[in-house]
N, C-alpha and C. Protein backbone atom coordinates (compact mmCIF):
# COMPACT_ATOMS: atom_id res chain seq x y z
N MET A 1 170.14 92.66 77.24
CA MET A 1 170.29 91.27 77.35
C MET A 1 169.34 90.58 76.37
N ALA A 2 169.83 89.66 75.58
CA ALA A 2 168.96 88.97 74.57
C ALA A 2 168.17 87.87 75.28
N THR A 3 166.98 87.65 74.75
CA THR A 3 166.13 86.60 75.34
C THR A 3 166.24 85.35 74.50
N LYS A 4 166.18 84.23 75.18
CA LYS A 4 166.25 82.94 74.50
C LYS A 4 164.85 82.65 73.90
N PRO A 5 164.85 82.01 72.74
CA PRO A 5 163.55 81.58 72.23
C PRO A 5 163.01 80.45 73.13
N SER A 6 161.71 80.51 73.38
CA SER A 6 161.13 79.52 74.28
C SER A 6 161.04 78.16 73.60
N LYS A 7 161.25 77.08 74.38
CA LYS A 7 161.17 75.73 73.86
C LYS A 7 159.69 75.34 73.92
N SER A 8 159.17 74.83 72.87
CA SER A 8 157.82 74.31 72.90
C SER A 8 157.71 73.14 71.92
N ALA A 9 156.55 72.56 71.87
CA ALA A 9 156.34 71.42 70.95
C ALA A 9 156.49 71.95 69.51
N PRO A 10 156.98 71.14 68.60
CA PRO A 10 157.23 71.61 67.27
C PRO A 10 155.98 71.84 66.44
N THR A 11 154.83 71.54 66.98
CA THR A 11 153.60 71.70 66.24
C THR A 11 152.98 73.06 66.56
N LYS A 12 152.08 73.50 65.71
CA LYS A 12 151.46 74.82 65.87
C LYS A 12 150.46 74.80 67.04
N GLY A 13 150.38 75.89 67.72
CA GLY A 13 149.38 76.03 68.80
C GLY A 13 149.80 75.39 70.08
N VAL A 14 149.05 75.68 71.10
CA VAL A 14 149.34 75.15 72.43
C VAL A 14 148.78 73.74 72.58
N ASP A 15 147.64 73.47 72.01
CA ASP A 15 146.96 72.19 72.17
C ASP A 15 146.81 71.54 70.82
N SER A 16 147.80 70.85 70.34
CA SER A 16 147.72 70.25 69.00
C SER A 16 147.75 68.70 69.08
N ARG A 17 147.02 68.10 68.20
CA ARG A 17 146.84 66.64 68.19
C ARG A 17 148.08 65.94 67.64
N ILE A 18 148.37 64.81 68.20
CA ILE A 18 149.44 63.94 67.72
C ILE A 18 148.80 62.79 66.94
N ALA A 19 147.82 62.12 67.58
CA ALA A 19 147.16 60.99 66.94
C ALA A 19 145.75 60.90 67.49
N ASP A 20 144.85 60.41 66.65
CA ASP A 20 143.44 60.21 67.03
C ASP A 20 143.09 58.75 66.91
N ASN A 21 142.15 58.28 67.72
CA ASN A 21 141.63 56.94 67.65
C ASN A 21 140.21 57.07 67.07
N LYS A 22 140.12 57.09 65.76
CA LYS A 22 138.82 57.30 65.12
C LYS A 22 137.87 56.14 65.32
N LYS A 23 138.42 54.97 65.44
CA LYS A 23 137.57 53.75 65.62
C LYS A 23 136.89 53.78 67.00
N ALA A 24 137.45 54.46 67.99
CA ALA A 24 136.85 54.50 69.31
C ALA A 24 135.49 55.16 69.29
N LEU A 25 135.36 56.25 68.54
CA LEU A 25 134.09 56.95 68.46
C LEU A 25 133.04 56.13 67.71
N PHE A 26 133.49 55.30 66.82
CA PHE A 26 132.56 54.44 66.06
C PHE A 26 132.13 53.21 66.85
N ASN A 27 133.08 52.58 67.57
CA ASN A 27 132.80 51.34 68.29
C ASN A 27 132.22 51.50 69.70
N TYR A 28 132.37 52.73 70.25
CA TYR A 28 131.96 52.93 71.63
C TYR A 28 131.07 54.16 71.79
N ALA A 29 130.16 54.10 72.74
CA ALA A 29 129.36 55.26 73.13
C ALA A 29 130.11 55.93 74.30
N ILE A 30 130.54 57.13 74.08
CA ILE A 30 131.37 57.87 75.07
C ILE A 30 130.47 58.41 76.19
N GLU A 31 130.83 58.09 77.43
CA GLU A 31 130.09 58.57 78.59
C GLU A 31 130.77 59.79 79.20
N GLU A 32 132.07 59.66 79.44
CA GLU A 32 132.81 60.74 80.12
C GLU A 32 134.25 60.75 79.63
N ARG A 33 134.85 61.96 79.54
CA ARG A 33 136.22 62.11 79.04
C ARG A 33 137.17 62.53 80.18
N PHE A 34 138.41 62.06 80.07
CA PHE A 34 139.42 62.39 81.04
C PHE A 34 140.73 62.71 80.30
N GLU A 35 141.55 63.57 80.89
CA GLU A 35 142.86 63.90 80.34
C GLU A 35 143.93 63.44 81.33
N ALA A 36 144.86 62.62 80.87
CA ALA A 36 145.90 62.09 81.75
C ALA A 36 147.29 62.37 81.14
N GLY A 37 148.24 62.56 82.03
CA GLY A 37 149.63 62.68 81.58
C GLY A 37 150.15 61.29 81.30
N MET A 38 151.32 61.24 80.61
CA MET A 38 151.93 59.97 80.24
C MET A 38 153.37 59.93 80.70
N VAL A 39 153.83 58.77 81.15
CA VAL A 39 155.21 58.56 81.47
C VAL A 39 155.88 57.99 80.25
N LEU A 40 156.76 58.76 79.63
CA LEU A 40 157.41 58.34 78.35
C LEU A 40 158.90 58.37 78.49
N GLU A 41 159.58 57.65 77.64
CA GLU A 41 161.03 57.72 77.51
C GLU A 41 161.39 58.75 76.46
N GLY A 42 162.64 59.14 76.42
CA GLY A 42 163.07 60.20 75.48
C GLY A 42 162.86 59.86 74.03
N TRP A 43 163.14 58.63 73.62
CA TRP A 43 163.00 58.27 72.22
C TRP A 43 161.52 58.29 71.85
N GLU A 44 160.63 57.99 72.79
CA GLU A 44 159.19 58.01 72.50
C GLU A 44 158.71 59.42 72.20
N VAL A 45 159.20 60.37 72.97
CA VAL A 45 158.78 61.75 72.75
C VAL A 45 159.26 62.21 71.37
N LYS A 46 160.48 61.88 71.00
CA LYS A 46 160.99 62.24 69.69
C LYS A 46 160.17 61.61 68.59
N ALA A 47 159.76 60.34 68.74
CA ALA A 47 158.96 59.67 67.76
C ALA A 47 157.56 60.30 67.68
N LEU A 48 157.02 60.73 68.81
CA LEU A 48 155.70 61.38 68.82
C LEU A 48 155.76 62.68 68.05
N ARG A 49 156.87 63.42 68.18
CA ARG A 49 157.01 64.69 67.44
C ARG A 49 156.99 64.43 65.93
N GLU A 50 157.45 63.29 65.52
CA GLU A 50 157.43 62.91 64.10
C GLU A 50 156.12 62.27 63.70
N GLY A 51 155.25 62.03 64.64
CA GLY A 51 153.95 61.43 64.36
C GLY A 51 153.94 59.93 64.12
N LYS A 52 154.93 59.24 64.67
CA LYS A 52 155.06 57.82 64.46
C LYS A 52 154.35 57.00 65.55
N VAL A 53 153.03 57.13 65.61
CA VAL A 53 152.26 56.48 66.65
C VAL A 53 150.96 55.92 66.06
N GLN A 54 150.52 54.75 66.61
CA GLN A 54 149.26 54.16 66.23
C GLN A 54 148.48 53.91 67.50
N LEU A 55 147.27 54.45 67.57
CA LEU A 55 146.47 54.42 68.80
C LEU A 55 145.26 53.52 68.68
N THR A 56 144.96 52.98 67.47
CA THR A 56 143.69 52.28 67.24
C THR A 56 143.58 50.97 68.06
N ASP A 57 144.66 50.31 68.33
CA ASP A 57 144.58 49.01 69.08
C ASP A 57 144.78 49.24 70.59
N GLY A 58 144.92 50.49 71.04
CA GLY A 58 145.19 50.75 72.43
C GLY A 58 143.98 50.68 73.34
N TYR A 59 144.25 50.36 74.58
CA TYR A 59 143.21 50.35 75.58
C TYR A 59 143.85 50.65 76.95
N VAL A 60 143.02 51.04 77.89
CA VAL A 60 143.51 51.42 79.20
C VAL A 60 143.06 50.40 80.23
N VAL A 61 144.00 49.95 81.09
CA VAL A 61 143.65 49.01 82.19
C VAL A 61 144.03 49.61 83.50
N ILE A 62 143.37 49.14 84.56
CA ILE A 62 143.68 49.56 85.95
C ILE A 62 144.28 48.40 86.66
N ARG A 63 145.54 48.60 87.11
CA ARG A 63 146.28 47.55 87.87
C ARG A 63 146.78 48.17 89.17
N GLU A 64 146.38 47.58 90.27
CA GLU A 64 146.85 47.99 91.59
C GLU A 64 146.68 49.51 91.81
N GLY A 65 145.55 50.02 91.37
CA GLY A 65 145.23 51.44 91.59
C GLY A 65 145.95 52.38 90.67
N GLU A 66 146.56 51.91 89.59
CA GLU A 66 147.25 52.76 88.62
C GLU A 66 146.70 52.50 87.25
N LEU A 67 146.77 53.44 86.35
CA LEU A 67 146.30 53.32 84.97
C LEU A 67 147.46 53.09 84.04
N PHE A 68 147.24 52.16 83.09
CA PHE A 68 148.27 51.84 82.10
C PHE A 68 147.66 51.81 80.70
N LEU A 69 148.37 52.33 79.77
CA LEU A 69 147.99 52.30 78.34
C LEU A 69 148.69 51.16 77.67
N ILE A 70 147.90 50.22 77.15
CA ILE A 70 148.43 49.02 76.53
C ILE A 70 148.03 49.01 75.05
N GLY A 71 148.95 48.53 74.19
CA GLY A 71 148.64 48.40 72.78
C GLY A 71 148.88 49.63 71.95
N CYS A 72 149.29 50.71 72.54
CA CYS A 72 149.60 51.95 71.79
C CYS A 72 151.01 51.74 71.21
N GLN A 73 151.14 51.79 69.90
CA GLN A 73 152.43 51.50 69.28
C GLN A 73 153.10 52.79 68.87
N ILE A 74 154.26 53.03 69.43
CA ILE A 74 155.11 54.18 69.08
C ILE A 74 156.35 53.62 68.43
N ASN A 75 156.46 53.84 67.13
CA ASN A 75 157.59 53.30 66.34
C ASN A 75 158.83 54.16 66.52
N PRO A 76 159.96 53.57 66.88
CA PRO A 76 161.18 54.38 67.09
C PRO A 76 161.71 54.93 65.76
N LEU A 77 162.37 56.05 65.88
CA LEU A 77 163.01 56.67 64.73
C LEU A 77 164.28 55.86 64.33
N ASN A 78 164.68 55.98 63.09
CA ASN A 78 165.90 55.33 62.64
C ASN A 78 167.14 55.87 63.36
N THR A 79 167.00 57.10 63.83
CA THR A 79 168.12 57.78 64.48
C THR A 79 168.11 57.60 66.00
N ALA A 80 167.38 56.60 66.47
CA ALA A 80 167.33 56.37 67.92
C ALA A 80 168.73 56.02 68.43
N SER A 81 168.96 56.32 69.66
CA SER A 81 170.26 56.11 70.28
C SER A 81 170.65 54.61 70.27
N THR A 82 171.94 54.39 70.19
CA THR A 82 172.42 53.00 70.12
C THR A 82 172.42 52.30 71.48
N HIS A 83 172.48 53.10 72.58
CA HIS A 83 172.51 52.46 73.90
C HIS A 83 171.11 52.22 74.47
N VAL A 84 170.07 52.56 73.76
CA VAL A 84 168.70 52.33 74.17
C VAL A 84 168.06 51.29 73.24
N SER A 85 167.41 50.30 73.85
CA SER A 85 166.71 49.31 73.01
C SER A 85 165.21 49.62 73.08
N PRO A 86 164.73 50.30 72.05
CA PRO A 86 163.30 50.72 72.07
C PRO A 86 162.34 49.57 71.90
N ASP A 87 161.25 49.56 72.67
CA ASP A 87 160.20 48.59 72.56
C ASP A 87 158.97 49.37 72.12
N SER A 88 158.50 49.14 70.90
CA SER A 88 157.44 49.94 70.32
C SER A 88 156.06 49.74 70.97
N VAL A 89 155.83 48.61 71.61
CA VAL A 89 154.53 48.36 72.23
C VAL A 89 154.66 48.31 73.77
N ARG A 90 155.59 49.06 74.33
CA ARG A 90 155.80 49.13 75.77
C ARG A 90 154.53 49.64 76.47
N THR A 91 154.23 49.06 77.64
CA THR A 91 153.11 49.55 78.42
C THR A 91 153.49 50.89 79.06
N LYS A 92 152.62 51.92 78.87
CA LYS A 92 152.89 53.24 79.32
C LYS A 92 151.98 53.57 80.51
N LYS A 93 152.55 54.16 81.52
CA LYS A 93 151.78 54.54 82.71
C LYS A 93 151.09 55.85 82.47
N LEU A 94 149.81 55.98 82.89
CA LEU A 94 149.07 57.23 82.77
C LEU A 94 148.94 57.85 84.18
N LEU A 95 149.03 59.17 84.17
CA LEU A 95 149.02 59.93 85.42
C LEU A 95 147.70 60.62 85.62
N LEU A 96 147.03 60.35 86.70
CA LEU A 96 145.72 60.95 86.99
C LEU A 96 145.64 61.13 88.50
N HIS A 97 144.80 62.02 88.98
CA HIS A 97 144.65 62.23 90.42
C HIS A 97 144.00 60.98 91.04
N ARG A 98 144.35 60.71 92.30
CA ARG A 98 143.90 59.54 92.99
C ARG A 98 142.38 59.43 93.04
N ASP A 99 141.70 60.55 93.36
CA ASP A 99 140.23 60.50 93.45
C ASP A 99 139.59 60.22 92.11
N GLN A 100 140.20 60.66 91.01
CA GLN A 100 139.68 60.35 89.68
C GLN A 100 139.88 58.85 89.38
N ILE A 101 141.01 58.29 89.79
CA ILE A 101 141.28 56.89 89.54
C ILE A 101 140.28 56.02 90.33
N LEU A 102 140.03 56.39 91.58
CA LEU A 102 139.08 55.65 92.38
C LEU A 102 137.67 55.71 91.80
N ARG A 103 137.30 56.82 91.25
CA ARG A 103 135.99 56.97 90.61
C ARG A 103 135.93 56.10 89.36
N LEU A 104 137.02 56.07 88.62
CA LEU A 104 137.05 55.25 87.41
C LEU A 104 137.00 53.74 87.74
N ILE A 105 137.66 53.33 88.84
CA ILE A 105 137.60 51.92 89.24
C ILE A 105 136.18 51.53 89.51
N GLY A 106 135.44 52.40 90.20
CA GLY A 106 134.01 52.08 90.47
C GLY A 106 133.20 51.98 89.22
N LYS A 107 133.45 52.84 88.23
CA LYS A 107 132.69 52.85 86.98
C LYS A 107 133.03 51.65 86.11
N VAL A 108 134.32 51.33 86.02
CA VAL A 108 134.75 50.22 85.15
C VAL A 108 134.24 48.90 85.66
N GLU A 109 134.07 48.77 86.98
CA GLU A 109 133.58 47.52 87.52
C GLU A 109 132.09 47.28 87.16
N GLN A 110 131.40 48.37 86.77
CA GLN A 110 130.00 48.22 86.33
C GLN A 110 129.99 47.47 85.03
N LYS A 111 128.89 46.85 84.71
CA LYS A 111 128.79 46.03 83.50
C LYS A 111 128.89 46.86 82.23
N GLY A 112 129.80 46.48 81.37
CA GLY A 112 129.85 47.09 80.03
C GLY A 112 130.78 48.31 79.89
N PHE A 113 131.28 48.87 80.96
CA PHE A 113 132.13 50.05 80.85
C PHE A 113 133.59 49.65 80.63
N THR A 114 134.30 50.43 79.82
CA THR A 114 135.72 50.24 79.58
C THR A 114 136.37 51.61 79.37
N LEU A 115 137.70 51.63 79.48
CA LEU A 115 138.45 52.86 79.24
C LEU A 115 139.16 52.75 77.91
N VAL A 116 138.92 53.77 77.05
CA VAL A 116 139.43 53.77 75.72
C VAL A 116 140.21 55.04 75.47
N PRO A 117 141.44 54.96 74.93
CA PRO A 117 142.18 56.18 74.58
C PRO A 117 141.59 56.83 73.31
N LEU A 118 141.32 58.12 73.35
CA LEU A 118 140.73 58.82 72.20
C LEU A 118 141.78 59.53 71.38
N ASN A 119 142.71 60.18 72.02
CA ASN A 119 143.80 60.86 71.26
C ASN A 119 144.99 61.17 72.17
N LEU A 120 146.09 61.47 71.48
CA LEU A 120 147.30 61.95 72.13
C LEU A 120 147.50 63.36 71.65
N HIS A 121 147.82 64.28 72.56
CA HIS A 121 148.01 65.66 72.13
C HIS A 121 149.08 66.35 73.03
N TRP A 122 149.56 67.46 72.49
CA TRP A 122 150.50 68.28 73.27
C TRP A 122 149.73 69.30 74.08
N LYS A 123 150.12 69.48 75.33
CA LYS A 123 149.55 70.55 76.14
C LYS A 123 150.65 71.16 76.99
N ASN A 124 150.98 72.39 76.67
CA ASN A 124 152.06 73.11 77.38
C ASN A 124 153.35 72.35 77.34
N GLY A 125 153.67 71.76 76.18
CA GLY A 125 154.94 71.07 75.98
C GLY A 125 154.99 69.67 76.53
N LYS A 126 153.86 69.16 77.05
CA LYS A 126 153.81 67.81 77.58
C LYS A 126 152.80 66.96 76.81
N VAL A 127 153.07 65.66 76.73
CA VAL A 127 152.15 64.76 76.01
C VAL A 127 151.02 64.35 76.95
N LYS A 128 149.78 64.50 76.48
CA LYS A 128 148.61 64.12 77.28
C LYS A 128 147.82 63.10 76.50
N CYS A 129 147.15 62.20 77.19
CA CYS A 129 146.28 61.19 76.59
C CYS A 129 144.84 61.51 76.99
N GLU A 130 144.00 61.74 76.02
CA GLU A 130 142.59 61.91 76.33
C GLU A 130 141.96 60.54 76.22
N MET A 131 141.35 60.13 77.31
CA MET A 131 140.66 58.83 77.36
C MET A 131 139.21 58.99 77.72
N ALA A 132 138.45 57.98 77.48
CA ALA A 132 137.02 58.08 77.75
C ALA A 132 136.50 56.81 78.45
N LEU A 133 135.56 57.05 79.32
CA LEU A 133 134.80 55.96 79.91
C LEU A 133 133.66 55.68 78.90
N ALA A 134 133.68 54.45 78.37
CA ALA A 134 132.79 54.16 77.23
C ALA A 134 132.10 52.81 77.40
N LYS A 135 131.01 52.67 76.67
CA LYS A 135 130.26 51.42 76.57
C LYS A 135 130.32 50.96 75.14
N GLY A 136 130.47 49.69 74.91
CA GLY A 136 130.49 49.16 73.54
C GLY A 136 129.13 49.32 72.88
N LYS A 137 129.18 49.71 71.59
CA LYS A 137 127.94 49.85 70.82
C LYS A 137 127.52 48.50 70.26
N ALA A 138 126.21 48.35 70.16
CA ALA A 138 125.67 47.12 69.49
C ALA A 138 125.74 47.36 67.99
N GLU A 139 125.57 46.31 67.19
CA GLU A 139 125.71 46.37 65.75
C GLU A 139 124.66 47.35 65.16
N HIS A 140 123.46 47.38 65.67
CA HIS A 140 122.42 48.29 65.13
C HIS A 140 122.78 49.73 65.43
N ASP A 141 123.43 50.01 66.56
CA ASP A 141 123.88 51.35 66.88
C ASP A 141 124.92 51.84 65.89
N LYS A 142 125.81 50.93 65.49
CA LYS A 142 126.84 51.31 64.48
C LYS A 142 126.20 51.61 63.15
N ARG A 143 125.16 50.84 62.80
CA ARG A 143 124.47 51.12 61.54
C ARG A 143 123.80 52.49 61.58
N ASP A 144 123.24 52.86 62.73
CA ASP A 144 122.62 54.18 62.86
C ASP A 144 123.67 55.28 62.71
N THR A 145 124.88 55.04 63.26
CA THR A 145 125.93 56.04 63.11
C THR A 145 126.31 56.22 61.64
N ILE A 146 126.37 55.11 60.91
CA ILE A 146 126.70 55.21 59.48
C ILE A 146 125.63 55.95 58.72
N LYS A 147 124.36 55.67 59.00
CA LYS A 147 123.25 56.37 58.37
C LYS A 147 123.28 57.86 58.62
N GLU A 148 123.54 58.23 59.86
CA GLU A 148 123.61 59.65 60.20
C GLU A 148 124.75 60.35 59.44
N ARG A 149 125.90 59.68 59.35
CA ARG A 149 127.03 60.23 58.65
C ARG A 149 126.78 60.41 57.15
N GLU A 150 126.12 59.40 56.54
CA GLU A 150 125.82 59.52 55.16
C GLU A 150 124.77 60.58 54.89
N GLY A 151 123.80 60.71 55.80
CA GLY A 151 122.78 61.75 55.66
C GLY A 151 123.41 63.16 55.71
N LYS A 152 124.35 63.35 56.62
CA LYS A 152 125.04 64.62 56.72
C LYS A 152 125.82 64.94 55.46
N ARG A 153 126.46 63.93 54.90
CA ARG A 153 127.24 64.13 53.64
C ARG A 153 126.31 64.51 52.50
N GLU A 154 125.13 63.88 52.42
CA GLU A 154 124.21 64.23 51.35
C GLU A 154 123.71 65.64 51.47
N VAL A 155 123.41 66.07 52.69
CA VAL A 155 122.99 67.45 52.93
C VAL A 155 124.08 68.42 52.53
N GLU A 156 125.32 68.11 52.92
CA GLU A 156 126.42 69.03 52.57
C GLU A 156 126.64 69.08 51.05
N ARG A 157 126.51 67.93 50.38
CA ARG A 157 126.62 67.92 48.92
C ARG A 157 125.55 68.78 48.26
N ALA A 158 124.33 68.66 48.77
CA ALA A 158 123.19 69.41 48.22
C ALA A 158 123.39 70.90 48.44
N MET A 159 123.84 71.31 49.64
CA MET A 159 124.10 72.69 49.92
C MET A 159 125.24 73.22 49.06
N LYS A 160 126.25 72.40 48.81
CA LYS A 160 127.40 72.85 48.05
C LYS A 160 126.99 73.03 46.57
N SER A 161 126.22 72.07 46.02
CA SER A 161 125.81 72.19 44.62
C SER A 161 124.80 73.33 44.43
N ARG A 162 124.03 73.64 45.47
CA ARG A 162 123.05 74.70 45.39
C ARG A 162 123.72 76.09 45.41
N SER A 163 124.82 76.19 46.15
CA SER A 163 125.52 77.47 46.25
C SER A 163 126.32 77.85 45.02
N ARG A 164 126.50 76.89 44.10
CA ARG A 164 127.27 77.19 42.89
C ARG A 164 126.53 78.00 41.90
């Protein structure tokens, strides 16, 4: 008896990234990370496979004890079905355990904490959203981050030119 090829995400590996929110790491100090499932429509999954997503303007809110991802833009494919009217900035529900949500509610109510999406990735054929409990950085903290990054680049350049 022949075996069927297994269905998996079209990307390589079990845990591969779809989109990153690079601005989140620059604008926020990350305290704690969480991984949540997402409630998506069929056309959204197809668009994610093609990488048609923008996560930089997204944020997570808590409404009536549930988590929602707002501002994440998933652009529909040109080949989307005719009987579906895709909304690219639709609010998406995030799935997390009740005790984790209750803990997040307590943390977010503290001064300065917010929930920020860090990336979207495939895990065992399902789309997951990695989000973080974060505090906004002050302007001088952002300058320190830039200085550190430039210092690392200079060291790498020096090591590269020395090895030649």
